[in-house]
N, C-alpha and C. Protein backbone atom coordinates (compact mmCIF):
# COMPACT_ATOMS: atom_id res chain seq x y z
N UNK A 1 87.29 156.28 42.20
CA UNK A 1 86.34 155.05 42.30
C UNK A 1 87.30 153.95 42.36
N UNK A 2 86.94 153.05 43.30
CA UNK A 2 87.85 151.95 43.63
C UNK A 2 87.45 150.76 42.53
N UNK A 3 88.46 150.12 42.09
CA UNK A 3 88.41 148.86 41.23
C UNK A 3 88.02 147.58 42.12
N UNK A 4 86.69 147.43 42.18
CA UNK A 4 86.41 146.12 42.91
C UNK A 4 86.82 144.84 42.43
N UNK A 5 87.11 144.93 41.25
CA UNK A 5 87.39 143.67 40.35
C UNK A 5 88.82 143.05 40.96
N UNK A 6 89.44 143.94 41.65
CA UNK A 6 90.64 143.32 42.09
C UNK A 6 90.39 142.38 43.31
N UNK A 7 89.16 142.25 43.84
CA UNK A 7 88.89 141.28 44.95
C UNK A 7 88.22 140.01 44.32
N UNK A 8 87.76 139.94 43.21
CA UNK A 8 87.05 138.77 42.62
C UNK A 8 87.86 137.79 42.31
N UNK A 9 87.47 136.52 42.45
CA UNK A 9 88.23 135.23 41.98
C UNK A 9 88.33 135.37 40.50
N UNK A 10 89.67 134.95 40.27
CA UNK A 10 90.08 135.08 38.75
C UNK A 10 89.69 133.72 37.99
N UNK A 11 89.49 132.64 38.81
CA UNK A 11 89.17 131.34 37.99
C UNK A 11 88.72 130.42 38.94
N UNK A 12 87.93 129.51 38.60
CA UNK A 12 87.23 128.44 39.24
C UNK A 12 88.14 127.86 40.28
N UNK A 13 89.41 127.94 40.33
CA UNK A 13 90.18 127.43 41.43
C UNK A 13 90.95 128.38 42.27
N UNK A 14 90.53 129.61 42.21
CA UNK A 14 91.07 130.78 43.04
C UNK A 14 90.67 130.87 44.36
N UNK A 15 90.84 129.85 45.23
CA UNK A 15 90.77 129.88 46.83
C UNK A 15 91.19 130.83 47.59
N UNK A 16 92.51 131.25 47.04
CA UNK A 16 93.29 132.45 47.71
C UNK A 16 92.31 133.65 47.76
N UNK A 17 91.75 134.16 46.65
CA UNK A 17 91.01 135.30 46.46
C UNK A 17 89.55 134.97 47.45
N UNK A 18 89.04 133.73 47.44
CA UNK A 18 87.85 133.54 48.14
C UNK A 18 88.21 133.70 49.71
N UNK A 19 89.34 133.25 49.91
CA UNK A 19 89.69 133.31 51.51
C UNK A 19 90.05 134.78 51.77
N UNK A 20 90.58 135.54 50.88
CA UNK A 20 90.76 136.93 51.11
C UNK A 20 89.30 137.77 51.21
N UNK A 21 88.50 137.28 50.55
CA UNK A 21 87.07 137.76 50.64
C UNK A 21 86.37 137.79 51.92
N UNK A 22 86.69 136.70 52.56
CA UNK A 22 86.16 136.63 54.26
C UNK A 22 86.70 137.76 54.96
N UNK A 23 87.73 138.43 54.61
CA UNK A 23 88.43 139.56 55.65
C UNK A 23 88.07 140.76 55.04
N UNK A 24 87.36 140.82 53.90
CA UNK A 24 87.00 142.19 53.20
C UNK A 24 86.08 143.01 54.19
N UNK A 25 86.19 144.31 54.01
CA UNK A 25 85.13 145.14 54.74
C UNK A 25 83.98 144.89 53.98
N UNK A 26 82.77 144.92 54.93
CA UNK A 26 81.59 144.55 54.25
C UNK A 26 81.10 145.37 53.22
N UNK A 27 81.44 146.72 53.28
CA UNK A 27 80.87 147.61 52.16
C UNK A 27 81.54 147.14 50.71
N UNK A 28 82.78 146.63 50.82
CA UNK A 28 83.46 146.30 49.57
C UNK A 28 82.67 144.71 49.08
N UNK A 29 82.57 144.09 50.04
CA UNK A 29 81.97 142.71 49.77
C UNK A 29 80.47 142.74 49.10
N UNK A 30 79.71 143.63 49.75
CA UNK A 30 78.42 143.91 49.26
C UNK A 30 78.18 144.43 48.03
N UNK A 31 79.48 145.30 47.76
CA UNK A 31 79.45 145.93 46.37
C UNK A 31 79.81 144.94 45.18
N UNK A 32 80.52 143.83 45.50
CA UNK A 32 80.76 142.86 44.52
C UNK A 32 79.63 141.59 44.69
N UNK A 33 78.84 141.76 45.43
CA UNK A 33 77.81 140.73 45.41
C UNK A 33 77.26 140.29 44.23
N UNK A 34 76.85 141.09 43.15
CA UNK A 34 76.40 140.55 41.86
C UNK A 34 77.44 139.88 41.11
N UNK A 35 78.76 140.08 41.12
CA UNK A 35 79.77 139.46 40.65
C UNK A 35 79.88 138.03 41.14
N UNK A 36 79.56 137.85 42.65
CA UNK A 36 79.81 136.85 43.30
C UNK A 36 78.76 135.72 42.90
N UNK A 37 77.50 136.50 42.80
CA UNK A 37 76.36 135.44 42.52
C UNK A 37 76.57 134.67 41.31
N UNK A 38 77.57 135.11 40.20
CA UNK A 38 77.91 134.40 38.98
C UNK A 38 78.64 133.15 39.20
N UNK A 39 79.31 133.12 40.49
CA UNK A 39 79.85 131.77 40.74
C UNK A 39 78.99 130.82 40.98
N UNK A 40 77.65 131.01 41.13
CA UNK A 40 76.74 129.86 41.51
C UNK A 40 76.20 129.27 40.23
N UNK A 41 76.75 129.75 39.06
CA UNK A 41 76.31 129.15 37.82
C UNK A 41 76.64 127.78 37.59
N UNK A 42 77.66 127.37 38.31
CA UNK A 42 78.12 125.89 38.12
C UNK A 42 78.71 125.54 39.40
N UNK A 43 78.00 124.75 40.25
CA UNK A 43 78.37 124.41 41.52
C UNK A 43 79.57 123.30 41.57
N UNK A 44 79.71 123.02 40.25
CA UNK A 44 80.88 122.07 40.27
C UNK A 44 82.28 122.56 40.20
N UNK A 45 82.19 124.03 39.84
CA UNK A 45 83.54 124.85 39.96
C UNK A 45 83.86 124.83 41.49
N UNK A 46 85.26 124.41 41.56
CA UNK A 46 85.69 124.13 43.00
C UNK A 46 85.48 125.30 44.06
N UNK A 47 85.50 126.48 43.59
CA UNK A 47 85.20 127.52 44.56
C UNK A 47 83.42 128.03 44.61
N UNK A 48 82.83 127.31 43.97
CA UNK A 48 81.43 127.82 44.20
C UNK A 48 80.81 127.66 45.35
N UNK A 49 80.79 126.63 45.95
CA UNK A 49 80.15 126.24 47.28
C UNK A 49 80.71 127.16 48.37
N UNK A 50 81.86 127.57 48.20
CA UNK A 50 82.78 128.44 49.25
C UNK A 50 82.14 129.83 49.14
N UNK A 51 81.82 130.28 47.70
CA UNK A 51 81.31 131.53 47.44
C UNK A 51 79.80 131.53 48.06
N UNK A 52 79.15 130.41 47.82
CA UNK A 52 77.66 130.46 48.36
C UNK A 52 77.85 130.60 49.96
N UNK A 53 78.55 129.91 50.59
CA UNK A 53 78.64 130.21 52.00
C UNK A 53 79.01 131.61 52.49
N UNK A 54 79.76 132.18 51.53
CA UNK A 54 80.20 133.60 51.85
C UNK A 54 78.88 134.63 51.59
N UNK A 55 78.24 134.39 50.52
CA UNK A 55 76.82 134.93 50.40
C UNK A 55 75.91 134.88 51.34
N UNK A 56 75.88 133.78 52.09
CA UNK A 56 74.81 133.50 52.91
C UNK A 56 75.08 134.38 54.23
N UNK A 57 76.46 134.86 54.32
CA UNK A 57 76.69 135.86 55.41
C UNK A 57 75.95 137.22 55.15
N UNK A 58 75.51 137.44 54.08
CA UNK A 58 74.99 138.73 53.65
C UNK A 58 73.63 138.34 52.82
N UNK A 59 72.73 137.79 53.52
CA UNK A 59 71.51 137.23 52.76
C UNK A 59 70.67 138.32 52.04
N UNK A 60 70.30 139.50 53.09
CA UNK A 60 69.62 140.48 52.52
C UNK A 60 69.89 141.27 51.37
N UNK A 61 71.28 141.43 51.37
CA UNK A 61 72.03 142.17 50.11
C UNK A 61 72.23 140.97 48.92
N UNK A 62 71.94 139.83 49.23
CA UNK A 62 72.14 138.76 47.99
C UNK A 62 70.79 138.57 47.36
N UNK A 63 69.68 138.50 48.26
CA UNK A 63 68.44 138.06 47.80
C UNK A 63 67.96 138.76 46.43
N UNK A 64 67.99 140.14 46.35
CA UNK A 64 67.75 140.54 44.97
C UNK A 64 68.40 140.24 43.79
N UNK A 65 69.64 139.75 43.95
CA UNK A 65 70.44 139.12 43.03
C UNK A 65 70.05 137.74 42.57
N UNK A 66 69.70 137.02 43.61
CA UNK A 66 69.09 135.56 43.32
C UNK A 66 67.84 135.68 42.63
N UNK A 67 66.86 136.66 43.01
CA UNK A 67 65.87 136.97 42.30
C UNK A 67 65.86 137.13 40.86
N UNK A 68 66.82 137.89 40.63
CA UNK A 68 67.22 138.34 39.19
C UNK A 68 67.44 136.92 38.40
N UNK A 69 68.32 136.10 39.19
CA UNK A 69 68.71 134.74 38.57
C UNK A 69 67.40 134.05 38.21
N UNK A 70 66.61 133.94 39.16
CA UNK A 70 65.29 133.14 38.82
C UNK A 70 64.47 133.65 37.65
N UNK A 71 64.75 134.77 37.13
CA UNK A 71 63.82 135.26 35.83
C UNK A 71 64.69 134.99 34.70
N UNK A 72 66.09 134.51 34.75
CA UNK A 72 66.77 134.30 33.63
C UNK A 72 66.23 132.93 33.01
N UNK A 73 66.85 132.45 31.83
CA UNK A 73 66.66 131.40 31.23
C UNK A 73 67.72 130.27 31.59
N UNK A 74 68.50 130.63 32.53
CA UNK A 74 69.60 129.65 33.00
C UNK A 74 69.15 128.78 33.92
N UNK A 75 68.66 127.70 33.63
CA UNK A 75 68.03 126.69 34.61
C UNK A 75 68.80 126.19 35.63
N UNK A 76 70.05 125.98 35.22
CA UNK A 76 71.09 125.25 35.97
C UNK A 76 71.31 126.18 37.06
N UNK A 77 71.57 127.56 36.68
CA UNK A 77 71.90 128.74 37.64
C UNK A 77 70.83 128.65 38.69
N UNK A 78 69.57 128.52 38.18
CA UNK A 78 68.36 128.67 39.11
C UNK A 78 68.39 127.35 40.27
N UNK A 79 68.69 126.25 39.63
CA UNK A 79 68.73 125.11 40.56
C UNK A 79 69.82 125.31 41.59
N UNK A 80 71.17 125.73 41.08
CA UNK A 80 72.32 125.84 42.25
C UNK A 80 71.81 127.05 43.08
N UNK A 81 71.32 128.05 42.60
CA UNK A 81 70.98 129.18 43.34
C UNK A 81 70.02 128.91 44.45
N UNK A 82 68.88 128.06 44.09
CA UNK A 82 67.95 127.50 45.01
C UNK A 82 68.59 126.53 45.95
N UNK A 83 69.31 125.76 45.61
CA UNK A 83 69.83 124.51 46.33
C UNK A 83 70.94 125.09 47.41
N UNK A 84 71.70 125.97 46.86
CA UNK A 84 73.01 126.29 47.82
C UNK A 84 72.78 127.71 48.40
N UNK A 85 71.71 128.41 47.95
CA UNK A 85 71.52 129.70 48.70
C UNK A 85 70.24 129.72 49.31
N UNK A 86 69.00 129.65 48.44
CA UNK A 86 67.86 129.85 49.32
C UNK A 86 67.49 128.79 50.05
N UNK A 87 67.74 127.50 49.87
CA UNK A 87 67.30 126.45 50.67
C UNK A 87 68.20 126.67 52.17
N UNK A 88 69.16 127.27 52.19
CA UNK A 88 70.15 127.43 53.33
C UNK A 88 69.80 128.67 54.20
N UNK A 89 68.88 129.57 53.73
CA UNK A 89 68.46 130.42 54.27
C UNK A 89 67.50 130.37 55.52
N UNK A 90 67.46 131.26 56.63
CA UNK A 90 66.29 131.10 57.65
C UNK A 90 64.99 131.09 56.94
N UNK A 91 64.09 130.50 57.72
CA UNK A 91 62.71 130.42 56.99
C UNK A 91 62.08 131.88 56.65
N UNK A 92 62.26 132.84 57.47
CA UNK A 92 61.69 134.08 57.39
C UNK A 92 62.50 134.73 55.95
N UNK A 93 63.57 134.46 55.61
CA UNK A 93 64.12 134.98 54.46
C UNK A 93 63.58 134.16 53.27
N UNK A 94 63.48 132.85 53.32
CA UNK A 94 62.99 132.08 52.34
C UNK A 94 61.60 132.52 51.90
N UNK A 95 60.89 133.00 52.87
CA UNK A 95 59.65 133.52 52.68
C UNK A 95 59.50 134.58 51.45
N UNK A 96 60.64 135.30 51.25
CA UNK A 96 60.79 136.43 50.24
C UNK A 96 60.72 135.88 48.89
N UNK A 97 61.17 134.47 48.66
CA UNK A 97 61.01 133.73 47.51
C UNK A 97 59.63 132.91 47.32
N UNK A 98 58.86 133.02 47.99
CA UNK A 98 57.66 132.17 47.87
C UNK A 98 56.84 132.34 46.67
N UNK A 99 56.60 133.45 46.15
CA UNK A 99 56.08 133.74 44.71
C UNK A 99 56.74 132.98 43.73
N UNK A 100 58.20 133.13 43.89
CA UNK A 100 59.02 132.46 42.85
C UNK A 100 58.95 131.10 42.95
N UNK A 101 59.17 130.54 44.19
CA UNK A 101 59.00 128.93 44.38
C UNK A 101 57.69 128.44 44.04
N UNK A 102 56.59 129.19 44.29
CA UNK A 102 55.10 128.61 43.83
C UNK A 102 55.10 128.39 42.36
N UNK A 103 55.62 129.62 41.76
CA UNK A 103 55.60 129.71 40.28
C UNK A 103 56.46 128.47 39.54
N UNK A 104 57.71 128.26 39.97
CA UNK A 104 58.59 127.32 39.35
C UNK A 104 57.96 125.71 39.90
N UNK A 105 57.51 125.78 41.05
CA UNK A 105 56.93 124.51 41.36
C UNK A 105 55.59 124.16 40.66
N UNK A 106 54.74 125.07 40.62
CA UNK A 106 53.44 124.77 39.76
C UNK A 106 53.38 124.81 38.35
N UNK A 107 54.16 125.82 37.71
CA UNK A 107 54.11 126.12 36.31
C UNK A 107 55.67 126.15 35.78
N UNK A 108 56.32 125.34 35.99
CA UNK A 108 57.85 125.26 35.37
C UNK A 108 57.91 125.44 33.95
N UNK A 109 58.75 126.03 33.58
CA UNK A 109 59.27 126.10 32.13
C UNK A 109 59.71 124.65 31.69
N UNK A 110 59.93 124.57 30.40
CA UNK A 110 60.42 123.05 29.85
C UNK A 110 61.82 123.00 30.46
N UNK A 111 62.80 124.05 30.46
CA UNK A 111 63.88 123.86 31.09
C UNK A 111 64.12 123.47 32.55
N UNK A 112 63.04 124.24 33.18
CA UNK A 112 63.13 124.06 34.56
C UNK A 112 62.48 122.69 35.00
N UNK A 113 61.77 122.00 34.13
CA UNK A 113 61.46 120.65 34.19
C UNK A 113 62.58 119.63 33.86
N UNK A 114 63.28 119.87 32.90
CA UNK A 114 64.42 119.07 32.36
C UNK A 114 65.56 119.28 33.46
N UNK A 115 65.64 120.38 34.04
CA UNK A 115 66.86 120.58 35.25
C UNK A 115 66.08 120.22 36.47
N UNK A 116 65.04 119.88 36.69
CA UNK A 116 64.34 119.49 37.93
C UNK A 116 64.42 120.67 39.05
N UNK A 117 64.43 121.87 38.41
CA UNK A 117 64.16 123.06 39.32
C UNK A 117 62.86 122.97 39.97
N UNK A 118 61.89 122.59 39.40
CA UNK A 118 60.64 122.55 40.16
C UNK A 118 60.54 121.59 41.39
N UNK A 119 61.37 120.58 41.44
CA UNK A 119 61.42 119.69 42.48
C UNK A 119 62.10 120.30 43.58
N UNK A 120 63.32 120.96 43.23
CA UNK A 120 64.09 121.61 44.25
C UNK A 120 63.13 122.72 44.88
N UNK A 121 62.33 123.56 44.04
CA UNK A 121 61.22 124.57 44.50
C UNK A 121 60.33 123.95 45.53
N UNK A 122 59.77 122.86 45.11
CA UNK A 122 58.73 122.18 45.82
C UNK A 122 59.37 121.62 47.23
N UNK A 123 60.70 121.23 47.20
CA UNK A 123 61.21 120.94 48.37
C UNK A 123 61.34 121.99 49.43
N UNK A 124 61.79 123.12 48.75
CA UNK A 124 62.03 124.16 49.65
C UNK A 124 60.63 124.96 50.27
N UNK A 125 59.64 124.80 49.26
CA UNK A 125 58.14 125.13 49.79
C UNK A 125 57.83 124.09 50.87
N UNK A 126 57.96 123.06 50.88
CA UNK A 126 57.53 122.13 51.98
C UNK A 126 58.25 122.50 53.16
N UNK A 127 59.52 122.91 53.27
CA UNK A 127 60.28 123.38 54.32
C UNK A 127 59.70 124.61 54.96
N UNK A 128 59.09 125.55 54.11
CA UNK A 128 58.35 126.62 54.55
C UNK A 128 56.97 126.15 55.24
N UNK A 129 56.37 125.25 54.58
CA UNK A 129 55.02 124.75 55.19
C UNK A 129 55.16 124.16 56.37
N UNK A 130 56.25 123.46 56.80
CA UNK A 130 56.39 122.71 57.85
C UNK A 130 56.61 123.75 59.02
N UNK A 131 56.91 125.02 58.95
CA UNK A 131 57.22 125.77 59.89
C UNK A 131 56.00 126.32 60.56
């Protein structure tokens, strides 16, 4: 079994590995999506926005992992996942998050309120409703 860890960024400045990820076979990239989603935990890490762009090239495979993020207690990770992944999806794929977005917008946890995740969810819902 191949060690997919050799493809993962080593630190928040590892642009070399992120650039190499762009050239990986899709089967390998898809296998490491759960690990790549972790880089959305803090969008202030230099490579985070580039990783988000990479994940957007495989939205169907990434969506289940973002849904997992939305049920964690890590409200900042939720915010960045919504803002840098979900918001950037085509409308038909954003629809897959509609139940999650409605819950966050209408009955946010204290942490989601504090981090304003509810406002981001509402903004994304408005995008869906305009279509």
